Amino acid sequence: MIESMDFFLLDGTRLCGYIDHTLLRADATAGQIETLCAEARENHFGGVCVNGSWLRHARRLLEGTMVRIVAAVGFPLGAMSCGAKCYEAEAAVGEGASEIDFVLNIGRLKQGDDRYVLEEIRDVVKAAAGRPVRSFWKPAC
């Protein structure tokens, strides 16, 4: 029996393990990816999330650590075809991604096209070849 809610509290180190340190800027440089990975290693973050072109570099920088390499797929709009997202997810797996975060097609979701959305999720999960998949959305400004 749990006698106190303190059981559920996370200390700083455990909390950091749930954080994905992220750099998804189109103009990100190798130096910025190196800083991102060094900060993730030093702060015991759970993962780094980068665009596909930086996956291999991040994997090399974090080799031998517990930091996950997370690939952003379909970023930033999520409006591309499901096939394009699947290709990107497969390529990310090939580049060493340990997890896939993809942007859901918000337009299809908003119009109630549940079949399309469910098929997209299913197909991206299949393309991830057993790696964890999360969906996120980038709201329009």
N, C-alpha and C. Protein backbone atom coordinates (compact mmCIF):
# COMPACT_ATOMS: atom_id res chain seq x y z
N MET A 1 0.84 -1.18 0.00
CA MET A 1 0.00 0.00 0.00
C MET A 1 0.89 1.25 0.00
N ILE A 2 0.52 2.21 -0.80
CA ILE A 2 1.26 3.47 -0.88
C ILE A 2 0.71 4.41 0.19
N GLU A 3 1.56 4.85 1.07
CA GLU A 3 1.13 5.70 2.18
C GLU A 3 1.27 7.18 1.89
N SER A 4 1.99 7.54 0.83
CA SER A 4 2.24 8.94 0.56
C SER A 4 2.32 9.18 -0.94
N MET A 5 1.93 10.35 -1.37
CA MET A 5 2.05 10.73 -2.78
C MET A 5 3.51 10.95 -3.18
N ASP A 6 4.40 11.03 -2.19
CA ASP A 6 5.82 11.19 -2.49
C ASP A 6 6.33 10.07 -3.39
N PHE A 7 5.68 8.93 -3.33
CA PHE A 7 6.05 7.79 -4.17
C PHE A 7 6.05 8.16 -5.65
N PHE A 8 5.15 9.07 -6.02
CA PHE A 8 4.98 9.44 -7.42
C PHE A 8 5.85 10.60 -7.87
N LEU A 9 6.54 11.23 -6.96
CA LEU A 9 7.39 12.37 -7.32
C LEU A 9 8.66 11.90 -7.99
N LEU A 10 9.09 12.65 -8.97
CA LEU A 10 10.34 12.36 -9.67
C LEU A 10 11.42 13.31 -9.18
N ASP A 11 12.60 12.78 -8.96
CA ASP A 11 13.71 13.69 -8.69
C ASP A 11 14.21 14.22 -10.02
N GLY A 12 15.08 15.21 -9.97
CA GLY A 12 15.55 15.87 -11.18
C GLY A 12 16.19 14.93 -12.19
N THR A 13 16.99 14.00 -11.72
CA THR A 13 17.67 13.08 -12.62
C THR A 13 16.67 12.17 -13.33
N ARG A 14 15.72 11.63 -12.59
CA ARG A 14 14.72 10.76 -13.20
C ARG A 14 13.85 11.55 -14.17
N LEU A 15 13.51 12.77 -13.81
CA LEU A 15 12.69 13.60 -14.68
C LEU A 15 13.41 13.87 -16.01
N CYS A 16 14.70 14.15 -15.95
CA CYS A 16 15.47 14.44 -17.17
C CYS A 16 15.41 13.28 -18.16
N GLY A 17 15.27 12.08 -17.67
CA GLY A 17 15.19 10.92 -18.54
C GLY A 17 13.95 10.89 -19.42
N TYR A 18 12.98 11.73 -19.10
CA TYR A 18 11.75 11.82 -19.89
C TYR A 18 11.79 12.96 -20.90
N ILE A 19 12.86 13.71 -20.92
CA ILE A 19 12.97 14.89 -21.78
C ILE A 19 13.69 14.53 -23.07
N ASP A 20 13.10 14.93 -24.20
CA ASP A 20 13.77 14.84 -25.49
C ASP A 20 14.29 16.23 -25.83
N HIS A 21 15.59 16.37 -25.86
CA HIS A 21 16.23 17.64 -26.22
C HIS A 21 16.11 17.76 -27.74
N THR A 22 15.55 18.85 -28.22
CA THR A 22 15.12 18.93 -29.61
C THR A 22 15.72 20.11 -30.35
N LEU A 23 16.14 19.83 -31.60
CA LEU A 23 16.57 20.88 -32.51
C LEU A 23 16.06 20.52 -33.90
N LEU A 24 14.98 21.18 -34.32
CA LEU A 24 14.35 20.87 -35.61
C LEU A 24 14.39 22.05 -36.57
N ARG A 25 15.27 22.98 -36.32
CA ARG A 25 15.39 24.15 -37.21
C ARG A 25 15.94 23.71 -38.57
N ALA A 26 15.40 24.30 -39.61
CA ALA A 26 15.87 23.99 -40.96
C ALA A 26 17.32 24.43 -41.16
N ASP A 27 17.78 25.43 -40.41
CA ASP A 27 19.14 25.94 -40.58
C ASP A 27 20.11 25.41 -39.51
N ALA A 28 19.76 24.30 -38.86
CA ALA A 28 20.65 23.70 -37.85
C ALA A 28 21.97 23.32 -38.50
N THR A 29 23.04 23.49 -37.74
CA THR A 29 24.38 23.16 -38.23
C THR A 29 24.96 22.00 -37.43
N ALA A 30 26.04 21.44 -37.94
CA ALA A 30 26.71 20.34 -37.24
C ALA A 30 27.12 20.77 -35.84
N GLY A 31 27.62 21.98 -35.71
CA GLY A 31 28.03 22.48 -34.40
C GLY A 31 26.87 22.54 -33.43
N GLN A 32 25.70 22.94 -33.91
CA GLN A 32 24.53 23.00 -33.04
C GLN A 32 24.06 21.59 -32.64
N ILE A 33 24.17 20.65 -33.54
CA ILE A 33 23.81 19.26 -33.22
C ILE A 33 24.79 18.71 -32.18
N GLU A 34 26.07 19.06 -32.32
CA GLU A 34 27.08 18.62 -31.35
C GLU A 34 26.78 19.19 -29.97
N THR A 35 26.38 20.46 -29.91
CA THR A 35 26.01 21.08 -28.63
C THR A 35 24.78 20.40 -28.06
N LEU A 36 23.78 20.16 -28.88
CA LEU A 36 22.55 19.49 -28.45
C LEU A 36 22.87 18.13 -27.82
N CYS A 37 23.69 17.36 -28.51
CA CYS A 37 24.03 16.02 -28.01
C CYS A 37 24.87 16.08 -26.74
N ALA A 38 25.79 17.02 -26.66
CA ALA A 38 26.60 17.18 -25.45
C ALA A 38 25.71 17.56 -24.27
N GLU A 39 24.76 18.45 -24.49
CA GLU A 39 23.84 18.84 -23.42
C GLU A 39 22.96 17.67 -22.99
N ALA A 40 22.51 16.88 -23.96
CA ALA A 40 21.69 15.71 -23.62
C ALA A 40 22.49 14.71 -22.79
N ARG A 41 23.73 14.49 -23.17
CA ARG A 41 24.60 13.57 -22.43
C ARG A 41 24.86 14.09 -21.01
N GLU A 42 25.22 15.34 -20.90
CA GLU A 42 25.57 15.94 -19.61
C GLU A 42 24.38 16.02 -18.66
N ASN A 43 23.18 16.25 -19.20
CA ASN A 43 22.00 16.42 -18.37
C ASN A 43 21.15 15.16 -18.24
N HIS A 44 21.63 14.06 -18.82
CA HIS A 44 20.94 12.76 -18.73
C HIS A 44 19.54 12.80 -19.33
N PHE A 45 19.40 13.57 -20.45
CA PHE A 45 18.12 13.62 -21.12
C PHE A 45 17.83 12.25 -21.75
N GLY A 46 16.55 11.96 -21.93
CA GLY A 46 16.17 10.68 -22.48
C GLY A 46 16.47 10.54 -23.96
N GLY A 47 16.39 11.63 -24.71
CA GLY A 47 16.61 11.54 -26.14
C GLY A 47 16.96 12.87 -26.75
N VAL A 48 17.41 12.82 -27.98
CA VAL A 48 17.56 14.01 -28.81
C VAL A 48 16.67 13.80 -30.03
N CYS A 49 15.96 14.84 -30.42
CA CYS A 49 15.08 14.77 -31.57
C CYS A 49 15.64 15.71 -32.63
N VAL A 50 15.95 15.14 -33.80
CA VAL A 50 16.57 15.90 -34.88
C VAL A 50 15.91 15.54 -36.21
N ASN A 51 16.13 16.38 -37.19
CA ASN A 51 15.69 16.08 -38.55
C ASN A 51 16.54 14.97 -39.14
N GLY A 52 15.99 14.33 -40.15
CA GLY A 52 16.62 13.16 -40.75
C GLY A 52 18.06 13.31 -41.19
N SER A 53 18.42 14.47 -41.71
CA SER A 53 19.78 14.63 -42.21
C SER A 53 20.82 14.62 -41.10
N TRP A 54 20.40 14.77 -39.84
CA TRP A 54 21.33 14.81 -38.71
C TRP A 54 21.31 13.52 -37.88
N LEU A 55 20.52 12.54 -38.25
CA LEU A 55 20.41 11.32 -37.45
C LEU A 55 21.74 10.58 -37.31
N ARG A 56 22.42 10.37 -38.41
CA ARG A 56 23.68 9.63 -38.37
C ARG A 56 24.71 10.35 -37.50
N HIS A 57 24.78 11.67 -37.63
CA HIS A 57 25.73 12.46 -36.86
C HIS A 57 25.40 12.36 -35.36
N ALA A 58 24.12 12.50 -35.02
CA ALA A 58 23.71 12.40 -33.62
C ALA A 58 23.99 11.00 -33.08
N ARG A 59 23.74 9.99 -33.88
CA ARG A 59 24.00 8.61 -33.44
C ARG A 59 25.47 8.42 -33.10
N ARG A 60 26.34 8.94 -33.96
CA ARG A 60 27.79 8.82 -33.69
C ARG A 60 28.17 9.55 -32.40
N LEU A 61 27.61 10.74 -32.23
CA LEU A 61 27.95 11.54 -31.05
C LEU A 61 27.46 10.91 -29.75
N LEU A 62 26.40 10.15 -29.82
CA LEU A 62 25.80 9.60 -28.60
C LEU A 62 26.02 8.10 -28.44
N GLU A 63 26.86 7.55 -29.30
CA GLU A 63 27.16 6.12 -29.21
C GLU A 63 27.70 5.78 -27.82
N GLY A 64 27.21 4.69 -27.27
CA GLY A 64 27.65 4.27 -25.94
C GLY A 64 26.91 4.93 -24.79
N THR A 65 25.91 5.77 -25.10
CA THR A 65 25.10 6.41 -24.06
C THR A 65 23.70 5.81 -24.08
N MET A 66 22.91 6.18 -23.12
CA MET A 66 21.51 5.72 -23.05
C MET A 66 20.56 6.71 -23.75
N VAL A 67 21.10 7.77 -24.35
CA VAL A 67 20.27 8.79 -24.99
C VAL A 67 19.71 8.23 -26.29
N ARG A 68 18.38 8.27 -26.43
CA ARG A 68 17.72 7.80 -27.64
C ARG A 68 17.87 8.81 -28.77
N ILE A 69 17.93 8.31 -29.99
CA ILE A 69 17.97 9.15 -31.18
C ILE A 69 16.55 9.15 -31.76
N VAL A 70 15.89 10.30 -31.72
CA VAL A 70 14.50 10.42 -32.14
C VAL A 70 14.46 11.18 -33.47
N ALA A 71 13.78 10.60 -34.45
CA ALA A 71 13.65 11.24 -35.76
C ALA A 71 12.31 11.95 -35.87
N ALA A 72 12.33 13.18 -36.33
CA ALA A 72 11.10 13.91 -36.63
C ALA A 72 10.71 13.59 -38.07
N VAL A 73 9.51 13.08 -38.26
CA VAL A 73 9.02 12.68 -39.58
C VAL A 73 7.80 13.53 -39.93
N GLY A 74 7.79 14.04 -41.15
CA GLY A 74 6.67 14.85 -41.60
C GLY A 74 6.65 16.24 -41.00
N PHE A 75 7.78 16.65 -40.47
CA PHE A 75 7.86 17.95 -39.81
C PHE A 75 8.15 19.04 -40.83
N PRO A 76 7.53 20.21 -40.74
CA PRO A 76 6.69 20.67 -39.65
C PRO A 76 5.19 20.58 -39.91
N LEU A 77 4.76 20.39 -41.15
CA LEU A 77 3.34 20.54 -41.45
C LEU A 77 2.51 19.28 -41.31
N GLY A 78 3.09 18.13 -41.62
CA GLY A 78 2.34 16.88 -41.57
C GLY A 78 1.38 16.70 -42.72
N ALA A 79 1.40 17.60 -43.69
CA ALA A 79 0.42 17.57 -44.77
C ALA A 79 0.87 16.77 -45.99
N MET A 80 2.09 16.22 -45.95
CA MET A 80 2.55 15.43 -47.08
C MET A 80 1.84 14.08 -47.11
N SER A 81 2.04 13.32 -48.17
CA SER A 81 1.36 12.04 -48.30
C SER A 81 1.84 11.06 -47.24
N CYS A 82 1.01 10.09 -46.99
CA CYS A 82 1.38 9.02 -46.05
C CYS A 82 2.61 8.28 -46.58
N GLY A 83 2.66 8.07 -47.87
CA GLY A 83 3.81 7.38 -48.47
C GLY A 83 5.11 8.12 -48.22
N ALA A 84 5.07 9.45 -48.29
CA ALA A 84 6.27 10.25 -48.02
C ALA A 84 6.69 10.09 -46.56
N LYS A 85 5.73 10.08 -45.65
CA LYS A 85 6.05 9.90 -44.23
C LYS A 85 6.64 8.51 -43.98
N CYS A 86 6.09 7.51 -44.63
CA CYS A 86 6.61 6.14 -44.47
C CYS A 86 8.03 6.04 -45.00
N TYR A 87 8.28 6.63 -46.16
CA TYR A 87 9.63 6.63 -46.70
C TYR A 87 10.60 7.30 -45.74
N GLU A 88 10.18 8.44 -45.19
CA GLU A 88 11.03 9.17 -44.25
C GLU A 88 11.28 8.35 -42.98
N ALA A 89 10.26 7.66 -42.50
CA ALA A 89 10.42 6.81 -41.31
C ALA A 89 11.37 5.65 -41.60
N GLU A 90 11.23 5.01 -42.75
CA GLU A 90 12.13 3.91 -43.12
C GLU A 90 13.57 4.40 -43.24
N ALA A 91 13.75 5.56 -43.86
CA ALA A 91 15.09 6.13 -43.99
C ALA A 91 15.67 6.45 -42.61
N ALA A 92 14.84 6.96 -41.72
CA ALA A 92 15.29 7.29 -40.36
C ALA A 92 15.76 6.04 -39.63
N VAL A 93 15.03 4.96 -39.77
CA VAL A 93 15.44 3.69 -39.16
C VAL A 93 16.80 3.28 -39.71
N GLY A 94 16.98 3.41 -41.01
CA GLY A 94 18.25 3.08 -41.64
C GLY A 94 19.41 3.95 -41.18
N GLU A 95 19.10 5.17 -40.75
CA GLU A 95 20.12 6.10 -40.27
C GLU A 95 20.38 5.96 -38.77
N GLY A 96 19.65 5.06 -38.12
CA GLY A 96 19.93 4.80 -36.71
C GLY A 96 18.93 5.36 -35.72
N ALA A 97 17.77 5.82 -36.18
CA ALA A 97 16.76 6.33 -35.24
C ALA A 97 16.28 5.21 -34.33
N SER A 98 16.16 5.52 -33.05
CA SER A 98 15.64 4.53 -32.11
C SER A 98 14.17 4.79 -31.80
N GLU A 99 13.64 5.89 -32.32
CA GLU A 99 12.25 6.26 -32.09
C GLU A 99 11.82 7.21 -33.20
N ILE A 100 10.53 7.18 -33.53
CA ILE A 100 9.98 8.05 -34.57
C ILE A 100 8.91 8.94 -33.96
N ASP A 101 9.04 10.25 -34.16
CA ASP A 101 7.98 11.22 -33.83
C ASP A 101 7.47 11.77 -35.15
N PHE A 102 6.18 11.59 -35.43
CA PHE A 102 5.69 12.10 -36.71
C PHE A 102 4.54 13.07 -36.52
N VAL A 103 4.43 13.98 -37.48
CA VAL A 103 3.38 14.99 -37.45
C VAL A 103 2.15 14.43 -38.17
N LEU A 104 1.08 14.35 -37.43
CA LEU A 104 -0.19 13.87 -37.95
C LEU A 104 -0.75 14.86 -38.97
N ASN A 105 -1.50 14.35 -39.93
CA ASN A 105 -2.14 15.21 -40.92
C ASN A 105 -3.35 15.88 -40.26
N ILE A 106 -3.15 17.10 -39.79
CA ILE A 106 -4.16 17.82 -39.02
C ILE A 106 -5.40 18.15 -39.87
N GLY A 107 -5.19 18.49 -41.13
CA GLY A 107 -6.33 18.80 -42.00
C GLY A 107 -7.27 17.61 -42.12
N ARG A 108 -6.70 16.43 -42.33
CA ARG A 108 -7.53 15.21 -42.42
C ARG A 108 -8.22 14.92 -41.10
N LEU A 109 -7.52 15.16 -39.99
CA LEU A 109 -8.11 14.94 -38.67
C LEU A 109 -9.27 15.91 -38.44
N LYS A 110 -9.05 17.19 -38.76
CA LYS A 110 -10.08 18.21 -38.55
C LYS A 110 -11.33 17.95 -39.36
N GLN A 111 -11.17 17.41 -40.57
CA GLN A 111 -12.36 17.18 -41.40
C GLN A 111 -13.05 15.86 -41.07
N GLY A 112 -12.51 15.13 -40.10
CA GLY A 112 -13.15 13.89 -39.67
C GLY A 112 -12.81 12.69 -40.53
N ASP A 113 -11.72 12.75 -41.28
CA ASP A 113 -11.32 11.64 -42.14
C ASP A 113 -10.57 10.59 -41.30
N ASP A 114 -11.31 9.96 -40.40
CA ASP A 114 -10.72 9.01 -39.46
C ASP A 114 -10.00 7.86 -40.15
N ARG A 115 -10.56 7.37 -41.25
CA ARG A 115 -9.96 6.25 -41.96
C ARG A 115 -8.54 6.62 -42.43
N TYR A 116 -8.42 7.80 -43.03
CA TYR A 116 -7.10 8.25 -43.51
C TYR A 116 -6.12 8.37 -42.34
N VAL A 117 -6.55 8.99 -41.25
CA VAL A 117 -5.69 9.22 -40.10
C VAL A 117 -5.24 7.88 -39.50
N LEU A 118 -6.18 6.96 -39.33
CA LEU A 118 -5.82 5.65 -38.77
C LEU A 118 -4.88 4.88 -39.68
N GLU A 119 -5.13 4.94 -40.99
CA GLU A 119 -4.23 4.26 -41.94
C GLU A 119 -2.85 4.89 -41.93
N GLU A 120 -2.79 6.22 -41.80
CA GLU A 120 -1.50 6.89 -41.73
C GLU A 120 -0.73 6.43 -40.49
N ILE A 121 -1.40 6.41 -39.35
CA ILE A 121 -0.74 5.95 -38.12
C ILE A 121 -0.26 4.51 -38.29
N ARG A 122 -1.13 3.65 -38.78
CA ARG A 122 -0.77 2.24 -38.99
C ARG A 122 0.45 2.10 -39.90
N ASP A 123 0.45 2.83 -41.00
CA ASP A 123 1.53 2.70 -41.98
C ASP A 123 2.85 3.25 -41.45
N VAL A 124 2.82 4.36 -40.72
CA VAL A 124 4.05 4.90 -40.15
C VAL A 124 4.59 3.95 -39.08
N VAL A 125 3.71 3.40 -38.26
CA VAL A 125 4.14 2.42 -37.25
C VAL A 125 4.80 1.22 -37.93
N LYS A 126 4.22 0.74 -39.00
CA LYS A 126 4.81 -0.39 -39.74
C LYS A 126 6.19 0.00 -40.30
N ALA A 127 6.29 1.19 -40.86
CA ALA A 127 7.56 1.65 -41.43
C ALA A 127 8.64 1.82 -40.37
N ALA A 128 8.24 2.03 -39.13
CA ALA A 128 9.20 2.22 -38.04
C ALA A 128 9.85 0.92 -37.60
N ALA A 129 9.40 -0.18 -38.12
CA ALA A 129 10.04 -1.49 -37.92
C ALA A 129 10.30 -1.81 -36.44
N GLY A 130 9.26 -1.66 -35.63
CA GLY A 130 9.36 -2.04 -34.22
C GLY A 130 9.84 -0.96 -33.27
N ARG A 131 10.25 0.18 -33.81
CA ARG A 131 10.66 1.27 -32.93
C ARG A 131 9.42 1.99 -32.40
N PRO A 132 9.52 2.58 -31.21
CA PRO A 132 8.38 3.35 -30.70
C PRO A 132 8.04 4.51 -31.63
N VAL A 133 6.75 4.79 -31.76
CA VAL A 133 6.26 5.87 -32.60
C VAL A 133 5.33 6.74 -31.77
N ARG A 134 5.56 8.04 -31.86
CA ARG A 134 4.67 9.02 -31.22
C ARG A 134 4.23 10.00 -32.29
N SER A 135 3.04 10.51 -32.12
CA SER A 135 2.56 11.53 -33.03
C SER A 135 2.49 12.86 -32.29
N PHE A 136 2.84 13.91 -32.99
CA PHE A 136 2.71 15.24 -32.42
C PHE A 136 2.19 16.16 -33.49
N TRP A 137 1.68 17.28 -33.08
CA TRP A 137 1.21 18.26 -34.04
C TRP A 137 1.87 19.59 -33.84
N LYS A 138 2.05 20.24 -34.91
CA LYS A 138 2.61 21.58 -34.91
C LYS A 138 1.47 22.51 -35.29
N PRO A 139 0.85 23.15 -34.30
CA PRO A 139 -0.29 24.02 -34.62
C PRO A 139 0.09 25.15 -35.56
N ALA A 140 -0.82 25.47 -36.46
CA ALA A 140 -0.60 26.59 -37.36
C ALA A 140 -0.69 27.89 -36.57
N CYS A 141 0.14 28.83 -36.92
CA CYS A 141 0.14 30.12 -36.21
C CYS A 141 -0.71 31.13 -36.95
